Amino acid sequence: MKTKGVDLSAIYSENVAAKILQVAQRGIKQQAPLPTYPESVPQAGTEGGRYEHREADFWTCGFFPGSIYALLERSVKFPQALSVPPRCRAQLQSQLLGMGRHWSVAINNMSSRTDTHDMGFIVQPALQKDWELTGNPESFQSVVNAAYALASRYDPNVKAIRSWDVAINDRYSMTDMSTNFLVIIDSMCNLDLLYYIGHCQNDQALIDIATTHANTIMDSILRPDYSSYHLVNFDPRTGKVQAKLTNQGYQDESTWSRGQAWSIMGFAQTYTWTKDLRYLDTAIQCAQYFVKRLKEGKHHHPLVPTWDFDAPQADPKEPLRDVSAGVIAANGLLIIHQSLQSLPDDESARLASGQQFLDIALQIVRETLDMALDKDLARFEEETDLVNGSGPAEELKVRPSSFDAILRHSTANNNEHAHKRYRDHGLVYADYFLLEFGNKLLRAGLV
């Protein structure tokens, strides 16, 4: 499958479906709600190749169930783009739905949490998709719950949603919420939840909170050149900025590549809801900064981002990458491309300034697949066995890969002061956003 001559068949391959199933089937063997969820896959060591799990309430819990639902969406809406053997098709759709529901029990149970801003990341990949594909009212109610839980963290004095309650590493400890109000660039990508439910429920208050938060990010976290800080600490008593820091990047004044990717996608999403050109222009400026920094690279596959654009590299020929930053940015670039198509030609040309955002997104994904696609491919076995030895349903059998993730070479957190510093691994949201990029192309009729 190609788009503009770029071979994207790996995104729609049997390997992708079989890898998701090989991990999903392990969860089916456990009683729901599941206590832990996949996060990262070490590339070496005794645990190399197998997903390391985090507690169920960790912010990444929604992405693996989201990957199951990304495949289900293909099965339901785009069967031509689900490259599985014909013998598997009859069982695959029902098994994906069953697995998705099983993996989502814990997420439904935590949909009213008010202790985190990551409610969009937690509920939208699986539960919103379950509602949209199947009309499941329980899933929709959980998405509604999550939006109002997120809105409860808004402070009209700061004009922002509190991202974290605390920030603790070996360098600083900010634990007093009466004197610290922590906001991170990632927060831009949870606003989509507020807009979605704000419009579904005809609740202007949710919409206004999202837009006001975006304005605060624009004013306080973006730099004049449209690069981004990771973390800003506001004084909740005055609403003024106290400090601009990093938590996962190299240094406070450096540009953490995944944070920049969140800014591209978040402002692009905000434009799709508001149709205010300020947000599209901001997304474009953030994207142009990202692309400029990519093109400065002198190493191989320069469009696969380094983990921080300003971090020194022990080996400049083999810099530490963050593949997740690239695929997240590609999703944002695709949203920008679609948004520009809806504008008059002169307005689109003025905003784009000659950039071809679809082409850039495809080039990033092409280099990502070439460099980071795990080469030990999974596939479906020739034969299937009956579940429990009887009954009409057959469990699809997978010849597993020795590496659980689809992509290698992401970096979750390489900040020198982090309590948990881990890098160069598979990462659950790199895989999710790769699958979502493929689905965005399908929805747009581009593949």
Protein backbone atom coordinates (compact mmCIF):
# COMPACT_ATOMS: atom_id res chain seq x y z
CA MET A 1 0.00 0.00 0.00
CA LYS A 2 1.45 3.33 -1.07
CA THR A 3 0.73 7.00 -0.61
CA LYS A 4 2.46 9.39 -3.01
CA GLY A 5 4.94 6.64 -3.85
CA VAL A 6 5.84 5.91 -0.22
CA ASP A 7 5.49 2.22 0.66
CA LEU A 8 3.42 1.97 3.84
CA SER A 9 2.60 -1.73 3.63
CA ALA A 10 4.40 -2.45 6.91
CA ILE A 11 1.78 -0.40 8.81
CA TYR A 12 -1.01 -2.64 7.47
CA SER A 13 0.86 -5.94 7.51
CA GLU A 14 0.07 -9.29 9.05
CA ASN A 15 3.03 -8.68 11.36
CA VAL A 16 1.31 -5.68 12.96
CA ALA A 17 -1.91 -7.56 13.66
CA ALA A 18 -0.10 -10.66 14.90
CA LYS A 19 2.17 -8.66 17.24
CA ILE A 20 -0.80 -6.90 18.83
CA LEU A 21 -2.56 -10.23 19.25
CA GLN A 22 0.46 -11.96 20.77
CA VAL A 23 0.45 -9.43 23.61
CA ALA A 24 -3.34 -9.08 23.85
CA GLN A 25 -3.82 -12.83 24.28
CA ARG A 26 -1.69 -12.78 27.44
CA GLY A 27 -4.07 -10.29 28.99
CA ILE A 28 -7.09 -12.43 28.11
CA LYS A 29 -5.64 -15.14 30.34
CA GLN A 30 -5.83 -12.77 33.33
CA GLN A 31 -8.96 -11.74 35.18
CA ALA A 32 -10.18 -8.21 34.51
CA PRO A 33 -9.63 -5.52 35.60
CA LEU A 34 -6.01 -5.99 34.63
CA PRO A 35 -3.56 -4.77 37.31
CA THR A 36 -0.83 -3.65 34.88
CA TYR A 37 -0.47 -2.50 31.28
CA PRO A 38 2.36 -2.72 28.70
CA GLU A 39 4.67 0.28 28.43
CA SER A 40 8.21 -0.34 27.16
CA VAL A 41 10.19 -3.18 25.59
CA PRO A 42 13.91 -3.44 26.45
CA GLN A 43 16.10 -4.21 23.46
CA ALA A 44 18.73 -6.12 25.43
CA GLY A 45 19.28 -7.93 28.71
CA THR A 46 17.46 -10.81 30.36
CA GLU A 47 14.07 -9.15 29.83
CA GLY A 48 14.88 -8.03 26.31
CA GLY A 49 12.03 -8.30 23.82
CA ARG A 50 9.18 -8.59 26.33
CA TYR A 51 6.92 -5.74 27.42
CA GLU A 52 7.65 -4.28 30.80
CA HIS A 53 4.38 -3.34 32.47
CA ARG A 54 3.42 -0.35 34.58
CA GLU A 55 0.65 -0.10 37.15
CA ALA A 56 -2.83 0.15 35.64
CA ASP A 57 -3.22 3.83 36.57
CA PHE A 58 -0.01 4.90 34.81
CA TRP A 59 -0.68 7.48 32.08
CA THR A 60 0.16 5.09 29.24
CA CYS A 61 -2.50 2.49 30.10
CA GLY A 62 -4.83 3.48 27.26
CA PHE A 63 -2.43 2.99 24.39
CA PHE A 64 -2.24 -0.79 24.14
CA PRO A 65 -6.03 -1.19 24.26
CA GLY A 66 -6.07 1.65 21.74
CA SER A 67 -3.88 -0.42 19.41
CA ILE A 68 -6.39 -3.26 19.64
CA TYR A 69 -9.17 -0.85 18.66
CA ALA A 70 -7.06 0.60 15.84
CA LEU A 71 -7.03 -2.89 14.32
CA LEU A 72 -10.74 -3.29 15.03
CA GLU A 73 -11.43 -0.03 13.19
CA ARG A 74 -9.59 -1.41 10.17
CA SER A 75 -11.51 -4.67 10.39
CA VAL A 76 -14.87 -2.89 10.52
CA LYS A 77 -14.32 0.10 8.21
CA PHE A 78 -11.29 -0.68 6.06
CA PRO A 79 -11.04 -4.48 5.65
CA GLN A 80 -8.94 -4.05 2.52
CA ALA A 81 -6.22 -2.52 4.73
CA LEU A 82 -6.06 -5.39 7.21
CA SER A 83 -3.54 -7.78 5.70
CA VAL A 84 -4.35 -11.05 7.41
CA PRO A 85 -4.80 -14.52 5.92
CA PRO A 86 -8.35 -15.15 4.64
CA ARG A 87 -8.79 -18.01 7.11
CA CYS A 88 -8.40 -15.55 10.00
CA ARG A 89 -10.89 -12.89 8.98
CA ALA A 90 -14.02 -14.58 10.33
CA GLN A 91 -12.60 -14.80 13.84
CA LEU A 92 -10.42 -11.72 13.99
CA GLN A 93 -13.09 -9.03 14.28
CA SER A 94 -14.96 -10.69 17.13
CA GLN A 95 -11.75 -11.55 18.95
CA LEU A 96 -10.43 -8.01 18.66
CA LEU A 97 -13.67 -6.65 20.14
CA GLY A 98 -13.57 -9.18 22.97
CA MET A 99 -9.93 -8.38 23.69
CA GLY A 100 -10.55 -4.65 23.51
CA ARG A 101 -13.42 -4.86 25.98
CA HIS A 102 -11.40 -7.09 28.34
CA TRP A 103 -8.39 -4.76 28.28
CA SER A 104 -10.68 -1.76 28.86
CA VAL A 105 -12.34 -2.85 32.10
CA ALA A 106 -9.75 -1.14 34.29
CA ILE A 107 -9.95 1.99 32.13
CA ASN A 108 -13.73 2.16 32.51
CA ASN A 109 -13.24 1.78 36.25
CA MET A 110 -10.85 4.75 36.45
CA SER A 111 -12.74 7.09 34.12
CA SER A 112 -13.63 9.56 36.89
CA ARG A 113 -10.09 10.06 38.17
CA THR A 114 -9.26 13.63 39.12
CA ASP A 115 -5.62 13.02 40.05
CA THR A 116 -4.24 13.25 36.51
CA HIS A 117 -4.58 15.40 33.40
CA ASP A 118 -3.94 12.44 31.09
CA MET A 119 -7.60 11.45 30.83
CA GLY A 120 -7.61 11.92 27.07
CA PHE A 121 -4.67 9.57 26.62
CA ILE A 122 -6.32 7.11 29.01
CA VAL A 123 -9.87 6.90 27.62
CA GLN A 124 -9.88 8.08 24.01
CA PRO A 125 -7.74 5.45 22.22
CA ALA A 126 -9.97 2.56 23.36
CA LEU A 127 -13.21 3.78 24.95
CA GLN A 128 -14.03 6.59 22.55
CA LYS A 129 -13.26 4.25 19.67
CA ASP A 130 -15.46 1.54 21.22
CA TRP A 131 -18.34 4.04 21.39
CA GLU A 132 -17.80 5.22 17.81
CA LEU A 133 -17.51 1.70 16.37
CA THR A 134 -20.11 -0.17 18.45
CA GLY A 135 -22.32 2.40 20.19
CA ASN A 136 -21.45 0.96 23.60
CA PRO A 137 -23.11 3.38 26.09
CA GLU A 138 -20.81 2.32 28.95
CA SER A 139 -17.79 3.43 26.97
CA PHE A 140 -19.40 6.75 26.06
CA GLN A 141 -20.29 7.43 29.69
CA SER A 142 -16.68 6.76 30.67
CA VAL A 143 -15.48 9.30 28.10
CA VAL A 144 -17.99 11.81 29.48
CA ASN A 145 -16.80 11.10 33.03
CA ALA A 146 -13.20 11.58 31.97
CA ALA A 147 -13.86 14.96 30.36
CA TYR A 148 -15.50 16.36 33.47
CA ALA A 149 -12.78 14.85 35.66
CA LEU A 150 -10.18 16.63 33.52
CA ALA A 151 -12.10 19.89 33.65
CA SER A 152 -12.11 19.73 37.45
CA ARG A 153 -8.36 20.38 37.35
CA TYR A 154 -8.83 23.77 35.68
CA ASP A 155 -7.87 26.85 37.68
CA PRO A 156 -9.39 30.13 36.45
CA ASN A 157 -6.65 32.08 38.20
CA VAL A 158 -3.89 30.36 36.24
CA LYS A 159 -6.16 29.92 33.20
CA ALA A 160 -4.89 26.38 32.78
CA ILE A 161 -5.51 22.76 33.70
CA ARG A 162 -3.10 21.41 36.30
CA SER A 163 -1.01 18.71 34.59
CA TRP A 164 0.81 17.18 37.54
CA ASP A 165 0.14 17.34 41.24
CA VAL A 166 3.82 16.90 42.03
CA ALA A 167 7.17 16.83 40.21
CA ILE A 168 9.99 15.00 41.95
CA ASN A 169 13.39 14.00 40.62
CA ASP A 170 16.98 14.15 41.82
CA ARG A 171 17.14 17.87 41.05
CA TYR A 172 13.90 19.32 42.40
CA SER A 173 10.87 18.43 44.48
CA MET A 174 7.64 20.35 43.95
CA THR A 175 4.94 18.80 46.10
CA ASP A 176 2.93 21.69 47.57
CA MET A 177 -0.03 22.36 45.30
CA SER A 178 -0.84 25.56 47.15
CA THR A 179 2.40 27.12 45.89
CA ASN A 180 3.04 25.15 42.67
CA PHE A 181 0.83 24.71 39.62
CA LEU A 182 2.56 22.42 37.11
CA VAL A 183 1.68 22.45 33.41
CA ILE A 184 3.44 20.43 30.69
CA ILE A 185 3.42 20.73 26.92
CA ASP A 186 1.90 17.22 26.65
CA SER A 187 -1.32 18.72 28.03
CA MET A 188 -2.19 20.09 24.60
CA CYS A 189 -3.09 16.59 23.46
CA ASN A 190 -5.70 16.02 26.18
CA LEU A 191 -7.75 19.03 25.09
CA ASP A 192 -9.32 17.00 22.29
CA LEU A 193 -11.28 15.13 24.99
CA LEU A 194 -12.80 18.37 26.29
CA TYR A 195 -13.76 19.58 22.82
CA TYR A 196 -15.28 16.20 21.92
CA ILE A 197 -17.50 15.93 24.97
CA GLY A 198 -18.13 19.68 25.04
CA HIS A 199 -19.73 19.37 21.61
CA CYS A 200 -21.43 16.02 22.33
CA GLN A 201 -22.99 17.39 25.52
CA ASN A 202 -23.48 20.95 24.25
CA ASP A 203 -21.38 22.18 27.18
CA GLN A 204 -19.66 25.43 26.27
CA ALA A 205 -17.80 25.45 29.60
CA LEU A 206 -15.70 22.44 28.55
CA ILE A 207 -14.93 24.05 25.21
CA ASP A 208 -13.94 27.32 26.85
CA ILE A 209 -11.64 25.57 29.33
CA ALA A 210 -9.84 23.81 26.49
CA THR A 211 -9.40 26.99 24.46
CA THR A 212 -8.25 29.05 27.44
CA HIS A 213 -5.70 26.37 28.33
CA ALA A 214 -4.39 26.39 24.75
CA ASN A 215 -3.95 30.15 24.96
CA THR A 216 -1.97 29.80 28.19
CA ILE A 217 0.29 27.19 26.62
CA MET A 218 0.82 29.46 23.64
CA ASP A 219 1.77 32.37 25.86
CA SER A 220 3.84 30.59 28.51
CA ILE A 221 5.32 27.31 27.21
CA LEU A 222 6.13 28.14 23.61
CA ARG A 223 9.27 30.19 23.01
CA PRO A 224 9.40 33.04 20.45
CA ASP A 225 10.83 30.64 17.86
CA TYR A 226 7.96 28.15 18.54
CA SER A 227 10.16 25.62 20.26
CA SER A 228 8.74 24.47 23.57
CA TYR A 229 9.59 24.13 27.20
CA HIS A 230 8.52 20.88 28.78
CA LEU A 231 7.31 22.07 32.19
CA VAL A 232 6.15 25.44 33.50
CA ASN A 233 5.48 26.04 37.19
CA PHE A 234 2.89 28.75 37.82
CA ASP A 235 2.13 30.39 41.15
CA PRO A 236 -1.51 29.38 41.76
CA ARG A 237 -2.01 32.44 43.97
CA THR A 238 -1.07 34.96 41.28
CA GLY A 239 -1.22 32.97 38.04
CA LYS A 240 2.29 34.12 37.16
CA VAL A 241 5.09 31.90 35.88
CA GLN A 242 7.60 30.91 38.55
CA ALA A 243 9.92 28.65 36.56
CA LYS A 244 10.37 27.07 33.13
CA LEU A 245 11.96 23.65 33.37
CA THR A 246 12.35 20.24 31.86
CA ASN A 247 11.53 16.89 33.38
CA GLN A 248 12.24 14.46 30.55
CA GLY A 249 14.38 16.53 28.19
CA TYR A 250 18.08 17.34 28.29
CA GLN A 251 18.05 20.79 29.90
CA ASP A 252 15.55 23.51 30.74
CA GLU A 253 16.41 25.53 27.63
CA SER A 254 16.74 22.59 25.26
CA THR A 255 13.95 21.30 23.05
CA TRP A 256 12.77 17.83 23.99
CA SER A 257 11.66 16.32 20.69
CA ARG A 258 8.58 14.51 21.97
CA GLY A 259 7.38 17.65 23.69
CA GLN A 260 7.69 19.51 20.40
CA ALA A 261 5.73 16.72 18.72
CA TRP A 262 2.94 17.07 21.30
CA SER A 263 2.78 20.78 20.52
CA ILE A 264 2.32 20.12 16.79
CA MET A 265 -0.46 17.61 17.26
CA GLY A 266 -2.17 19.48 20.12
CA PHE A 267 -2.43 22.83 18.35
CA ALA A 268 -3.50 21.11 15.13
CA GLN A 269 -6.29 19.32 17.02
CA THR A 270 -7.32 22.59 18.67
CA TYR A 271 -7.69 24.20 15.24
CA THR A 272 -9.91 21.37 13.99
CA TRP A 273 -12.39 22.16 16.77
CA THR A 274 -12.16 25.95 16.91
CA LYS A 275 -11.41 26.84 13.28
CA ASP A 276 -9.43 29.76 14.69
CA LEU A 277 -6.46 30.26 12.38
CA ARG A 278 -4.24 31.29 15.30
CA TYR A 279 -4.05 27.65 16.35
CA LEU A 280 -3.37 26.33 12.87
CA ASP A 281 -0.64 28.94 12.41
CA THR A 282 0.84 27.94 15.78
CA ALA A 283 0.77 24.26 14.85
CA ILE A 284 2.50 25.08 11.57
CA GLN A 285 5.17 27.18 13.28
CA CYS A 286 5.82 24.38 15.80
CA ALA A 287 6.03 21.92 12.91
CA GLN A 288 8.42 24.08 10.93
CA TYR A 289 10.71 24.30 13.94
CA PHE A 290 10.58 20.50 14.33
CA VAL A 291 11.36 19.89 10.66
CA LYS A 292 14.15 22.45 10.64
CA ARG A 293 15.83 20.68 13.53
CA LEU A 294 15.41 17.30 11.87
CA LYS A 295 17.08 18.56 8.71
CA GLU A 296 20.10 19.76 10.69
CA GLY A 297 20.99 16.13 11.45
CA LYS A 298 24.18 14.79 9.88
CA HIS A 299 23.51 11.17 10.89
CA HIS A 300 21.70 8.44 8.96
CA HIS A 301 17.88 8.59 8.92
CA PRO A 302 17.87 12.25 9.99
CA LEU A 303 14.06 12.40 9.94
CA VAL A 304 13.95 10.00 12.90
CA PRO A 305 14.30 12.51 15.76
CA THR A 306 16.99 12.46 18.37
CA TRP A 307 15.52 12.32 21.88
CA ASP A 308 16.31 16.00 22.46
CA PHE A 309 17.32 18.32 19.65
CA ASP A 310 20.01 19.97 21.78
CA ALA A 311 21.43 17.04 23.71
CA PRO A 312 25.08 16.09 23.08
CA GLN A 313 25.55 12.64 21.58
CA ALA A 314 28.16 10.14 22.70
CA ASP A 315 28.33 8.90 19.11
CA PRO A 316 27.17 11.55 16.61
CA LYS A 317 26.86 8.88 13.91
CA GLU A 318 24.46 6.85 16.09
CA PRO A 319 22.58 9.40 18.19
CA LEU A 320 19.99 8.37 20.74
CA ARG A 321 16.60 8.55 19.06
CA ASP A 322 13.00 8.86 20.08
CA VAL A 323 10.95 7.19 17.39
CA SER A 324 7.76 8.03 19.29
CA ALA A 325 8.43 11.74 18.75
CA GLY A 326 8.57 11.20 15.01
CA VAL A 327 5.33 9.25 14.67
CA ILE A 328 3.47 11.66 16.98
CA ALA A 329 4.72 14.58 14.90
CA ALA A 330 3.66 12.76 11.73
CA ASN A 331 0.11 12.54 13.08
CA GLY A 332 0.14 16.26 13.75
CA LEU A 333 1.54 17.03 10.30
CA LEU A 334 -1.23 15.01 8.70
CA ILE A 335 -3.87 16.97 10.63
CA ILE A 336 -2.22 20.20 9.44
CA HIS A 337 -2.29 18.95 5.85
CA GLN A 338 -5.99 18.13 6.07
CA SER A 339 -6.77 21.49 7.67
CA LEU A 340 -4.98 23.38 4.90
CA GLN A 341 -7.00 21.55 2.26
CA SER A 342 -10.19 23.13 3.58
CA LEU A 343 -8.90 26.70 3.23
CA PRO A 344 -8.90 28.95 0.16
CA ASP A 345 -5.77 28.42 -1.89
CA ASP A 346 -4.26 31.81 -1.08
CA GLU A 347 -4.83 31.39 2.66
CA SER A 348 -3.45 27.86 2.61
CA ALA A 349 -0.35 28.98 0.68
CA ARG A 350 0.25 31.88 3.06
CA LEU A 351 0.11 29.68 6.16
CA ALA A 352 2.08 26.76 4.73
CA SER A 353 4.94 28.93 3.41
CA GLY A 354 5.84 26.32 0.85
CA GLN A 355 5.92 23.35 3.24
CA GLN A 356 4.28 20.14 2.02
CA PHE A 357 3.16 18.68 5.31
CA LEU A 358 1.80 15.41 3.97
CA ASP A 359 5.08 14.76 2.15
CA ILE A 360 7.09 15.49 5.30
CA ALA A 361 4.89 13.22 7.41
CA LEU A 362 5.29 10.39 4.92
CA GLN A 363 9.05 10.86 4.77
CA ILE A 364 9.29 10.71 8.57
CA VAL A 365 7.27 7.50 8.66
CA ARG A 366 9.24 6.00 5.76
CA GLU A 367 12.55 6.59 7.54
CA THR A 368 11.05 5.35 10.81
CA LEU A 369 9.97 2.07 9.24
CA ASP A 370 13.32 1.64 7.52
CA MET A 371 15.33 2.25 10.66
CA ALA A 372 13.13 1.13 13.56
CA LEU A 373 10.71 -1.57 12.39
CA ASP A 374 11.56 -4.72 14.32
CA LYS A 375 12.71 -7.30 11.79
CA ASP A 376 11.51 -10.42 13.65
CA LEU A 377 8.05 -10.48 12.13
CA ALA A 378 5.08 -12.18 13.76
CA ARG A 379 2.49 -14.08 11.72
CA PHE A 380 -0.60 -16.21 12.14
CA GLU A 381 -0.15 -19.95 12.35
CA GLU A 382 -1.55 -22.23 9.68
CA GLU A 383 -3.93 -23.97 12.09
CA THR A 384 -6.21 -22.68 14.85
CA ASP A 385 -7.47 -24.60 17.87
CA LEU A 386 -10.92 -24.49 19.39
CA VAL A 387 -11.14 -22.50 22.60
CA ASN A 388 -11.48 -24.93 25.54
CA GLY A 389 -11.69 -27.72 23.00
CA SER A 390 -15.26 -27.00 21.92
CA GLY A 391 -17.62 -24.32 20.69
CA PRO A 392 -17.78 -22.27 17.51
CA ALA A 393 -15.08 -19.73 18.36
CA GLU A 394 -11.49 -20.44 17.47
CA GLU A 395 -8.57 -18.68 19.10
CA LEU A 396 -6.24 -17.39 16.45
CA LYS A 397 -2.77 -18.77 16.94
CA VAL A 398 0.24 -16.56 16.41
CA ARG A 399 3.80 -17.46 15.56
CA PRO A 400 5.18 -14.84 17.93
CA SER A 401 7.98 -12.42 17.39
CA SER A 402 10.80 -12.39 19.92
CA PHE A 403 10.17 -8.63 20.29
CA ASP A 404 6.74 -7.50 21.48
CA ALA A 405 6.74 -3.99 20.03
CA ILE A 406 6.35 -3.06 16.39
CA LEU A 407 8.98 -0.30 16.52
CA ARG A 408 12.35 -0.06 18.25
CA HIS A 409 14.44 2.95 19.30
CA SER A 410 12.12 5.13 21.37
CA THR A 411 13.24 6.93 24.52
CA ALA A 412 10.78 7.48 27.37
CA ASN A 413 12.94 9.54 29.71
CA ASN A 414 16.66 10.21 29.44
CA ASN A 415 16.85 13.22 31.76
CA GLU A 416 19.96 12.86 33.91
CA HIS A 417 18.01 13.65 37.09
CA ALA A 418 15.15 11.22 36.52
CA HIS A 419 14.47 8.57 39.13
CA LYS A 420 13.83 6.11 36.29
CA ARG A 421 16.02 6.79 33.28
CA TYR A 422 15.28 4.47 30.36
CA ARG A 423 16.01 4.80 26.69
CA ASP A 424 16.37 3.06 23.32
CA HIS A 425 13.48 0.63 23.61
CA GLY A 426 10.13 -0.25 22.14
CA LEU A 427 7.34 1.95 23.47
CA VAL A 428 3.60 1.33 23.53
CA TYR A 429 2.58 4.77 22.32
CA ALA A 430 5.08 4.75 19.46
CA ASP A 431 3.24 1.69 18.15
CA TYR A 432 -0.19 3.21 18.83
CA PHE A 433 0.57 6.44 16.98
CA LEU A 434 2.04 4.46 14.07
CA LEU A 435 -1.23 2.53 13.78
CA GLU A 436 -3.24 5.73 14.22
CA PHE A 437 -1.24 7.42 11.46
CA GLY A 438 -2.17 4.54 9.19
CA ASN A 439 -5.83 4.87 10.14
CA LYS A 440 -5.80 8.64 9.60
CA LEU A 441 -4.60 8.01 6.04
CA LEU A 442 -7.41 5.51 5.53
CA ARG A 443 -10.06 7.90 6.87
CA ALA A 444 -8.81 10.59 4.53
CA GLY A 445 -8.80 8.27 1.52
CA LEU A 446 -5.06 8.77 1.08
CA VAL A 447 -4.14 5.10 0.93
